[in-house]
Amino acid sequence: MLRFAPSPTGDMHIGNLRVALFNHILSKQLKEDLIIRIEDTDKERNIEGKDKEILEMLSLFNIEYKIAHYQSDNLKYHQKMAMQLLMQKKAFACFCSDERLEMQRENAKDSGKPYRYDSFCEKLTDDEVINNESGFTIRIKKPEHNIKCTDELRGEFDYNPFDVDSFIIMRKDKTPTYNFACAVDDMLYDISLVIRGEDHLSNTPKQKHIRESLGYTKEIKYLHLPIILNAQTGKKMSKRDNASSVKWLIEEGFLPIAIANYLVLLGSKTPKEIFTIEEAIEWFDIKNISTNAPKFDIDKLRFINKEHLKIIDEMRLSKILGFADEDIGKLAKIYLEEASTIKEIKTKLDAIFGTKHTSEDYVSEVEHIKKCAQNAPFFDSYDDFKNYISTQCGLKGKSLFMPLRFCLTGAWHGPNLSDIYPYIKNYLGEIIK
């Protein structure tokens, strides 16, 4: 069983989508189910509606999964297992105030040392614990031996007890912390492989320590993907980078198939550059992913998007653009010489079908051509239509072609009118108005 575990705390990030795509691909290759776990235990950071938005986004990218569940629904299991650790003396109640812990952190910072809990409450007697009426967190005792972990990309890691520390597993409000909830849920759902970002690498020994303390012996494999960098700044993509939001990319007119193509291609060795996820399932090898952080290049995504627009079915493209006419799909592809996204193509079509406001150039010619065209019979051939307008309006050369182009396309420059006309001839009454 594999799992994708997003948090409903903001827009889906391209890094998260990349993790979801790899989970989808691997689940198909391994013939194992994929589940979605909405990690909603941090109530203060949750944003209403983001959980549904995440599931809609997964559907948009055709990421298949068996079930979607909310981590908060497993609260009773989290609490039960935390109590088990307390009863077995593998965890302890911590009554330390936030002020005391913050002072310890500041002292560690001032001395140039990493902060670690000083085990003060671990030394409390049973009577001291029972008679203390203050609220408390629950900390798991740090391991007595090194925790060894294997990453499928990076190999072996060896963490000593100091690295793992006695960390909090249950908050004062009796809700689980991230690492405890993840470790327990991975046990409950019999997860065999965890694919996630490398920013979670330090969480792996903590989660393994939790499972070992609970007596869980099944080995879970891990694969941590490198973070994605901004190609311009060389820094980690953040929420301030518009392109980091999958929602923004969709709104900008990038096709889901192209975004998925690029994110799988990013930092990977693939036999071809343009492909579908269905094709990738046949040949993709997760171990061909580089451990170096890849750089997100929006221009490269534009290129890939354009390539997918070139091969997309014309009727489907037409429907994406708000029509249901194969000719509109063919017209859209003509504009791929100067456009690379759905949004840019829509701008071209809006100029064709929208109200055309003339400039100071060719004002009289434009008005004359409009009247002639509105009274013209239907012409299947562009040359016949052009010759009719030329004869009726008495216009030739630049005085004909420039205003005619504007009347038909709403622009003074662009593709050849002879290429455009076959796909707009049935709409002339709507276009020239």
Protein backbone atom coordinates (compact mmCIF):
# COMPACT_ATOMS: atom_id res chain seq x y z
CA MET A 1 0.00 0.00 0.00
CA LEU A 2 1.21 3.50 -0.89
CA ARG A 3 -0.08 6.81 0.40
CA PHE A 4 -0.14 10.44 -0.61
CA ALA A 5 -0.61 12.65 2.45
CA PRO A 6 -1.32 16.33 1.70
CA SER A 7 -2.30 18.93 4.29
CA PRO A 8 -5.30 21.23 3.68
CA THR A 9 -3.29 24.32 4.53
CA GLY A 10 -2.96 25.97 1.10
CA ASP A 11 -2.89 25.48 -2.66
CA MET A 12 -1.36 22.28 -3.91
CA HIS A 13 2.33 22.92 -4.54
CA ILE A 14 4.10 21.51 -7.61
CA GLY A 15 6.33 19.56 -5.25
CA ASN A 16 3.27 17.92 -3.69
CA LEU A 17 1.81 17.14 -7.11
CA ARG A 18 5.11 15.58 -8.16
CA VAL A 19 4.96 13.35 -5.08
CA ALA A 20 1.36 12.39 -5.92
CA LEU A 21 2.28 11.56 -9.53
CA PHE A 22 5.17 9.33 -8.49
CA ASN A 23 2.95 7.58 -5.95
CA HIS A 24 0.38 7.00 -8.69
CA ILE A 25 2.98 5.64 -11.12
CA LEU A 26 4.60 3.36 -8.54
CA SER A 27 1.27 2.04 -7.29
CA LYS A 28 0.45 0.98 -10.85
CA GLN A 29 3.88 -0.55 -11.44
CA LEU A 30 3.87 -2.42 -8.12
CA LYS A 31 0.19 -3.31 -8.48
CA GLU A 32 -0.48 -1.93 -5.01
CA ASP A 33 -3.29 0.36 -3.92
CA LEU A 34 -2.77 4.07 -3.32
CA ILE A 35 -4.66 5.86 -0.56
CA ILE A 36 -5.04 9.59 0.08
CA ARG A 37 -4.60 10.76 3.65
CA ILE A 38 -5.70 14.33 4.38
CA GLU A 39 -3.42 15.36 7.24
CA ASP A 40 -5.76 17.71 9.08
CA THR A 41 -4.68 17.32 12.71
CA ASP A 42 -3.12 20.80 12.83
CA LYS A 43 -6.49 22.54 13.10
CA GLU A 44 -5.11 26.07 13.39
CA ARG A 45 -3.46 25.90 9.97
CA ASN A 46 -6.27 24.14 8.09
CA ILE A 47 -8.08 26.20 5.46
CA GLU A 48 -11.75 25.41 4.89
CA GLY A 49 -12.40 23.83 1.51
CA LYS A 50 -8.77 23.03 0.71
CA ASP A 51 -9.36 19.31 1.33
CA LYS A 52 -11.99 19.16 -1.39
CA GLU A 53 -9.78 21.26 -3.66
CA ILE A 54 -6.95 18.74 -3.22
CA LEU A 55 -9.21 15.82 -4.18
CA GLU A 56 -10.53 17.75 -7.19
CA MET A 57 -6.96 18.46 -8.27
CA LEU A 58 -6.04 14.77 -8.03
CA SER A 59 -9.07 13.95 -10.17
CA LEU A 60 -8.03 16.58 -12.71
CA PHE A 61 -4.67 14.83 -13.06
CA ASN A 62 -6.29 11.37 -13.23
CA ILE A 63 -4.48 10.18 -10.11
CA GLU A 64 -6.30 7.05 -9.03
CA TYR A 65 -6.64 6.01 -5.41
CA LYS A 66 -8.58 3.45 -3.39
CA ILE A 67 -9.83 5.64 -0.56
CA ALA A 68 -9.43 9.14 0.83
CA HIS A 69 -9.53 9.48 4.59
CA TYR A 70 -8.92 12.20 7.14
CA GLN A 71 -6.16 11.76 9.68
CA SER A 72 -8.32 13.31 12.40
CA ASP A 73 -10.71 10.35 12.09
CA ASN A 74 -7.98 8.16 13.61
CA LEU A 75 -7.66 10.27 16.77
CA LYS A 76 -8.86 7.45 19.03
CA TYR A 77 -6.08 5.20 17.72
CA HIS A 78 -3.48 7.92 18.18
CA GLN A 79 -4.57 8.43 21.77
CA LYS A 80 -4.76 4.70 22.47
CA MET A 81 -1.23 4.08 21.22
CA ALA A 82 0.15 7.07 23.07
CA MET A 83 -1.39 5.65 26.26
CA GLN A 84 0.20 2.29 25.45
CA LEU A 85 3.62 3.92 25.30
CA LEU A 86 2.96 5.69 28.60
CA MET A 87 1.92 2.48 30.31
CA GLN A 88 5.01 0.69 29.00
CA LYS A 89 7.27 3.52 30.22
CA LYS A 90 8.39 4.18 26.65
CA ALA A 91 6.93 7.69 26.86
CA PHE A 92 6.40 10.19 29.64
CA ALA A 93 4.23 13.14 30.59
CA CYS A 94 5.96 16.50 30.11
CA PHE A 95 4.72 19.42 32.21
CA CYS A 96 7.32 21.92 30.98
CA SER A 97 5.87 25.32 30.16
CA ASP A 98 6.29 26.93 26.77
CA GLU A 99 8.38 29.63 28.43
CA ARG A 100 10.82 27.10 29.90
CA LEU A 101 11.23 25.29 26.59
CA GLU A 102 11.71 28.55 24.71
CA MET A 103 14.39 29.61 27.19
CA GLN A 104 16.20 26.32 26.60
CA ARG A 105 16.04 26.87 22.85
CA GLU A 106 17.49 30.36 23.22
CA ASN A 107 20.28 29.07 25.47
CA ALA A 108 21.14 26.39 22.93
CA LYS A 109 21.14 28.98 20.15
CA ASP A 110 23.40 31.31 22.12
CA SER A 111 25.87 28.50 22.77
CA GLY A 112 25.85 27.43 19.11
CA LYS A 113 24.45 23.98 19.90
CA PRO A 114 21.34 22.23 18.54
CA TYR A 115 18.41 22.27 20.96
CA ARG A 116 17.54 19.00 22.66
CA TYR A 117 15.10 18.36 25.48
CA ASP A 118 16.88 18.06 28.82
CA SER A 119 14.76 15.08 30.04
CA PHE A 120 13.61 17.02 33.12
CA CYS A 121 10.11 15.49 33.24
CA GLU A 122 11.34 12.02 32.35
CA LYS A 123 12.87 11.92 35.83
CA LEU A 124 9.61 12.68 37.66
CA THR A 125 8.29 9.98 39.98
CA ASP A 126 4.84 8.45 39.54
CA ASP A 127 3.59 10.40 42.54
CA GLU A 128 4.89 13.67 41.11
CA VAL A 129 3.12 12.96 37.85
CA ILE A 130 -0.19 11.97 39.46
CA ASN A 131 -0.24 14.94 41.80
CA ASN A 132 0.58 17.48 39.08
CA GLU A 133 -2.63 19.14 37.93
CA SER A 134 -1.02 21.08 35.09
CA GLY A 135 -1.67 20.27 31.47
CA PHE A 136 0.98 18.09 29.86
CA THR A 137 2.28 16.88 26.56
CA ILE A 138 3.49 13.34 25.96
CA ARG A 139 7.07 12.77 24.88
CA ILE A 140 8.47 9.53 23.58
CA LYS A 141 11.74 8.54 25.19
CA LYS A 142 14.70 8.90 22.90
CA PRO A 143 15.99 5.60 21.53
CA GLU A 144 18.67 3.63 23.34
CA HIS A 145 20.36 2.68 20.09
CA ASN A 146 21.01 4.16 16.68
CA ILE A 147 18.12 4.26 14.22
CA LYS A 148 19.16 3.08 10.77
CA CYS A 149 17.07 4.05 7.74
CA THR A 150 17.39 3.29 4.06
CA ASP A 151 16.38 5.73 1.36
CA GLU A 152 15.76 4.17 -2.05
CA LEU A 153 17.62 7.04 -3.75
CA ARG A 154 20.28 8.01 -1.24
CA GLY A 155 21.13 4.76 0.50
CA GLU A 156 21.76 4.22 4.23
CA PHE A 157 21.37 6.76 7.03
CA ASP A 158 22.41 6.20 10.62
CA TYR A 159 20.91 8.43 13.34
CA ASN A 160 22.11 8.36 16.93
CA PRO A 161 19.79 8.90 19.93
CA PHE A 162 20.86 12.55 20.19
CA ASP A 163 19.61 13.14 16.60
CA VAL A 164 16.20 11.66 17.41
CA ASP A 165 15.73 13.16 20.90
CA SER A 166 12.73 12.82 23.25
CA PHE A 167 10.19 14.56 21.06
CA ILE A 168 6.53 15.36 21.67
CA ILE A 169 4.01 12.86 20.28
CA MET A 170 0.80 14.28 21.82
CA ARG A 171 -0.02 17.93 22.41
CA LYS A 172 -1.66 19.31 25.54
CA ASP A 173 -5.05 19.19 23.79
CA LYS A 174 -4.49 15.42 23.35
CA THR A 175 -4.11 15.61 19.57
CA PRO A 176 -1.13 13.92 17.92
CA THR A 177 1.88 15.70 16.50
CA TYR A 178 2.77 15.22 12.87
CA ASN A 179 5.34 12.45 13.31
CA PHE A 180 3.22 10.40 15.71
CA ALA A 181 0.06 10.60 13.58
CA CYS A 182 2.03 9.66 10.44
CA ALA A 183 3.78 6.73 12.09
CA VAL A 184 0.56 5.33 13.55
CA ASP A 185 -1.44 5.81 10.35
CA ASP A 186 1.25 4.14 8.25
CA MET A 187 0.93 1.16 10.60
CA LEU A 188 -2.87 1.15 10.50
CA TYR A 189 -3.00 1.14 6.70
CA ASP A 190 -0.14 -1.29 6.18
CA ILE A 191 1.93 1.15 4.12
CA SER A 192 4.84 -0.50 2.32
CA LEU A 193 6.46 2.44 0.52
CA VAL A 194 6.50 6.14 1.41
CA ILE A 195 7.36 8.62 -1.34
CA ARG A 196 7.67 12.21 -0.13
CA GLY A 197 9.88 15.31 -0.29
CA GLU A 198 13.39 15.35 1.14
CA ASP A 199 12.31 17.98 3.67
CA HIS A 200 10.80 15.00 5.52
CA LEU A 201 14.07 13.07 5.63
CA SER A 202 14.74 14.03 9.26
CA ASN A 203 11.26 12.79 10.21
CA THR A 204 11.98 9.25 9.04
CA PRO A 205 14.06 8.08 12.05
CA LYS A 206 11.49 9.59 14.42
CA GLN A 207 8.64 7.73 12.75
CA LYS A 208 10.63 4.51 12.67
CA HIS A 209 11.44 4.94 16.37
CA ILE A 210 7.72 5.35 17.14
CA ARG A 211 6.82 2.17 15.27
CA GLU A 212 9.62 0.20 16.90
CA SER A 213 8.49 1.43 20.33
CA LEU A 214 4.98 0.19 19.51
CA GLY A 215 6.34 -3.21 18.54
CA TYR A 216 5.70 -2.82 14.81
CA THR A 217 8.31 -4.83 12.93
CA LYS A 218 7.32 -4.46 9.27
CA GLU A 219 9.98 -2.57 7.31
CA ILE A 220 8.61 0.42 5.39
CA LYS A 221 10.63 1.62 2.42
CA TYR A 222 11.26 5.33 1.93
CA LEU A 223 12.06 7.47 -1.08
CA HIS A 224 12.63 11.19 -0.55
CA LEU A 225 12.43 13.38 -3.64
CA PRO A 226 14.72 16.42 -3.97
CA ILE A 227 13.08 19.79 -3.48
CA ILE A 228 12.30 21.86 -6.58
CA LEU A 229 14.24 25.09 -7.02
CA ASN A 230 13.28 28.31 -8.77
CA ALA A 231 15.37 28.45 -11.97
CA GLN A 232 15.81 32.23 -11.64
CA THR A 233 16.78 32.46 -7.97
CA GLY A 234 18.23 29.02 -7.37
CA LYS A 235 16.24 28.87 -4.14
CA LYS A 236 13.44 26.56 -3.04
CA MET A 237 10.11 27.28 -4.72
CA SER A 238 7.88 29.04 -2.19
CA LYS A 239 4.30 30.27 -1.99
CA ARG A 240 5.54 33.64 -3.25
CA ASP A 241 6.40 31.99 -6.58
CA ASN A 242 3.17 31.92 -8.59
CA ALA A 243 4.40 28.95 -10.60
CA SER A 244 4.68 26.90 -7.40
CA SER A 245 0.87 26.72 -7.24
CA VAL A 246 -0.72 24.04 -9.42
CA LYS A 247 -3.96 26.02 -9.33
CA TRP A 248 -2.18 29.07 -10.76
CA LEU A 249 -0.64 27.00 -13.56
CA ILE A 250 -4.06 25.64 -14.51
CA GLU A 251 -5.55 29.14 -14.46
CA GLU A 252 -2.70 30.32 -16.70
CA GLY A 253 -3.72 27.76 -19.29
CA PHE A 254 -1.28 24.91 -18.82
CA LEU A 255 -2.77 21.50 -19.56
CA PRO A 256 -2.75 18.95 -16.70
CA ILE A 257 -1.16 16.43 -19.05
CA ALA A 258 1.67 18.87 -19.81
CA ILE A 259 2.23 19.78 -16.14
CA ALA A 260 2.38 16.08 -15.25
CA ASN A 261 4.75 15.42 -18.16
CA TYR A 262 7.10 18.17 -16.99
CA LEU A 263 7.10 17.18 -13.31
CA VAL A 264 7.93 13.56 -14.14
CA LEU A 265 10.60 14.68 -16.61
CA LEU A 266 12.09 17.10 -14.08
CA GLY A 267 15.34 15.66 -12.76
CA SER A 268 14.67 12.26 -14.33
CA LYS A 269 16.13 10.17 -17.13
CA THR A 270 13.32 9.32 -19.53
CA PRO A 271 13.35 7.66 -22.96
CA LYS A 272 11.32 10.49 -24.49
CA GLU A 273 10.55 14.10 -23.69
CA ILE A 274 6.85 14.33 -24.51
CA PHE A 275 4.66 11.64 -22.97
CA THR A 276 1.53 10.85 -20.97
CA ILE A 277 1.47 9.40 -17.47
CA GLU A 278 -0.03 6.22 -18.93
CA GLU A 279 3.06 5.90 -21.12
CA ALA A 280 5.36 6.67 -18.20
CA ILE A 281 3.89 3.81 -16.18
CA GLU A 282 5.24 1.41 -18.83
CA TRP A 283 8.90 2.49 -18.65
CA PHE A 284 9.46 4.82 -15.70
CA ASP A 285 12.18 3.82 -13.22
CA ILE A 286 12.06 5.75 -9.94
CA LYS A 287 15.77 5.09 -9.38
CA ASN A 288 16.60 7.20 -12.44
CA ILE A 289 15.66 10.32 -10.49
CA SER A 290 18.64 12.52 -9.71
CA THR A 291 19.37 13.32 -6.07
CA ASN A 292 20.26 16.87 -7.15
CA ALA A 293 17.55 19.49 -6.70
CA PRO A 294 15.92 20.17 -10.11
CA LYS A 295 15.16 23.71 -11.29
CA PHE A 296 11.65 24.63 -12.36
CA ASP A 297 11.81 26.41 -15.71
CA ILE A 298 8.49 27.95 -16.78
CA ASP A 299 9.76 28.34 -20.36
CA LYS A 300 10.43 24.61 -20.55
CA LEU A 301 6.91 23.97 -19.30
CA ARG A 302 5.60 26.31 -22.01
CA PHE A 303 7.43 24.27 -24.64
CA ILE A 304 6.00 21.00 -23.32
CA ASN A 305 2.53 22.52 -23.11
CA LYS A 306 2.74 23.66 -26.72
CA GLU A 307 3.81 20.19 -27.84
CA HIS A 308 0.78 18.66 -26.13
CA LEU A 309 -1.49 21.30 -27.67
CA LYS A 310 -0.15 20.32 -31.09
CA ILE A 311 -1.20 16.69 -30.68
CA ILE A 312 -4.42 17.12 -28.72
CA ASP A 313 -7.65 16.14 -30.47
CA GLU A 314 -9.15 19.23 -32.18
CA MET A 315 -12.66 18.66 -30.83
CA ARG A 316 -11.34 18.25 -27.29
CA LEU A 317 -9.27 21.40 -27.66
CA SER A 318 -12.33 23.23 -28.92
CA LYS A 319 -14.32 22.19 -25.84
CA ILE A 320 -11.52 23.30 -23.53
CA LEU A 321 -11.75 26.70 -25.24
CA GLY A 322 -15.51 26.87 -24.69
CA PHE A 323 -16.70 25.71 -28.12
CA ALA A 324 -17.85 22.41 -29.58
CA ASP A 325 -16.53 22.69 -33.12
CA GLU A 326 -13.55 20.84 -34.55
CA ASP A 327 -12.82 23.85 -36.78
CA ILE A 328 -12.21 26.01 -33.68
CA GLY A 329 -9.72 23.43 -32.46
CA LYS A 330 -7.93 23.60 -35.82
CA LEU A 331 -8.02 27.41 -35.68
CA ALA A 332 -6.49 27.33 -32.19
CA LYS A 333 -3.58 25.22 -33.43
CA ILE A 334 -2.78 27.80 -36.10
CA TYR A 335 -2.06 30.24 -33.25
CA LEU A 336 0.49 27.90 -31.67
CA GLU A 337 3.10 29.79 -33.66
CA GLU A 338 2.65 32.66 -31.21
CA ALA A 339 0.85 31.09 -28.24
CA SER A 340 1.76 28.25 -25.89
CA THR A 341 -1.10 28.10 -23.36
CA ILE A 342 -4.88 27.84 -23.37
CA LYS A 343 -5.08 31.30 -21.85
CA GLU A 344 -2.99 32.82 -24.65
CA ILE A 345 -5.05 31.05 -27.32
CA LYS A 346 -8.26 32.28 -25.69
CA THR A 347 -6.92 35.81 -25.96
CA LYS A 348 -6.56 35.31 -29.72
CA LEU A 349 -10.06 33.86 -30.05
CA ASP A 350 -11.55 36.61 -27.88
CA ALA A 351 -10.04 39.15 -30.29
CA ILE A 352 -11.68 37.33 -33.20
CA PHE A 353 -15.13 36.93 -31.65
CA GLY A 354 -15.19 39.98 -29.41
CA THR A 355 -15.97 43.64 -30.07
CA LYS A 356 -13.29 45.25 -32.21
CA HIS A 357 -12.31 48.79 -31.34
CA THR A 358 -10.49 50.42 -34.25
CA SER A 359 -7.47 52.62 -33.84
CA GLU A 360 -6.83 55.84 -35.75
CA ASP A 361 -5.51 53.78 -38.68
CA TYR A 362 -7.85 52.63 -41.44
CA VAL A 363 -11.01 53.86 -39.68
CA SER A 364 -13.00 54.45 -42.84
CA GLU A 365 -11.66 51.29 -44.53
CA VAL A 366 -12.64 49.14 -41.54
CA GLU A 367 -16.18 50.51 -41.51
CA HIS A 368 -16.50 50.06 -45.28
CA ILE A 369 -15.29 46.45 -45.13
CA LYS A 370 -17.68 45.67 -42.26
CA LYS A 371 -20.67 46.85 -44.30
CA CYS A 372 -19.54 44.95 -47.40
CA ALA A 373 -18.89 41.75 -45.43
CA GLN A 374 -22.22 41.92 -43.62
CA ASN A 375 -24.03 42.03 -46.97
CA ALA A 376 -21.78 39.49 -48.69
CA PRO A 377 -23.00 36.05 -49.76
CA PHE A 378 -21.31 32.96 -48.30
CA PHE A 379 -17.94 32.14 -49.86
CA ASP A 380 -16.27 28.81 -49.22
CA SER A 381 -12.95 30.08 -50.59
CA TYR A 382 -10.91 32.85 -48.97
CA ASP A 383 -9.78 34.14 -52.36
CA ASP A 384 -13.39 34.48 -53.52
CA PHE A 385 -14.30 36.31 -50.29
CA LYS A 386 -11.26 38.61 -50.53
CA ASN A 387 -11.94 39.42 -54.19
CA TYR A 388 -15.57 40.21 -53.44
CA ILE A 389 -14.59 42.62 -50.62
CA SER A 390 -11.94 44.21 -52.84
CA THR A 391 -14.41 44.76 -55.67
CA GLN A 392 -17.29 46.01 -53.52
CA CYS A 393 -15.13 48.33 -51.41
CA GLY A 394 -12.74 49.45 -54.14
CA LEU A 395 -9.74 48.64 -51.94
CA LYS A 396 -6.41 47.06 -52.84
CA GLY A 397 -3.04 46.31 -51.34
CA LYS A 398 -2.32 47.44 -47.80
CA SER A 399 -5.56 49.44 -47.68
CA LEU A 400 -7.42 46.15 -48.15
CA PHE A 401 -5.36 43.56 -46.28
CA MET A 402 -4.66 45.48 -43.05
CA PRO A 403 -8.27 46.51 -42.28
CA LEU A 404 -9.58 43.14 -43.54
CA ARG A 405 -7.25 41.32 -41.14
CA PHE A 406 -8.50 43.54 -38.32
CA CYS A 407 -12.14 42.89 -39.19
CA LEU A 408 -11.58 39.13 -39.21
CA THR A 409 -9.12 38.69 -36.32
CA GLY A 410 -9.19 41.84 -34.21
CA ALA A 411 -5.43 42.17 -34.72
CA TRP A 412 -3.20 43.95 -37.22
CA HIS A 413 -0.71 41.10 -37.44
CA GLY A 414 -0.85 37.33 -37.21
CA PRO A 415 -1.15 34.11 -39.24
CA ASN A 416 -2.08 34.22 -42.93
CA LEU A 417 -5.75 35.02 -43.45
CA SER A 418 -5.90 32.25 -46.02
CA ASP A 419 -5.02 29.79 -43.22
CA ILE A 420 -7.54 31.26 -40.78
CA TYR A 421 -10.53 31.79 -43.09
CA PRO A 422 -11.50 28.10 -43.58
CA TYR A 423 -12.15 27.79 -39.84
CA ILE A 424 -14.04 31.06 -39.31
CA LYS A 425 -16.07 31.29 -42.52
CA ASN A 426 -19.15 29.85 -40.80
CA TYR A 427 -18.90 32.47 -38.05
CA LEU A 428 -18.50 35.61 -40.17
CA GLY A 429 -21.88 36.99 -39.13
CA GLU A 430 -20.77 36.73 -35.48
CA ILE A 431 -17.23 37.97 -36.11
CA ILE A 432 -17.86 40.98 -38.33
CA LYS A 433 -20.21 43.23 -36.41
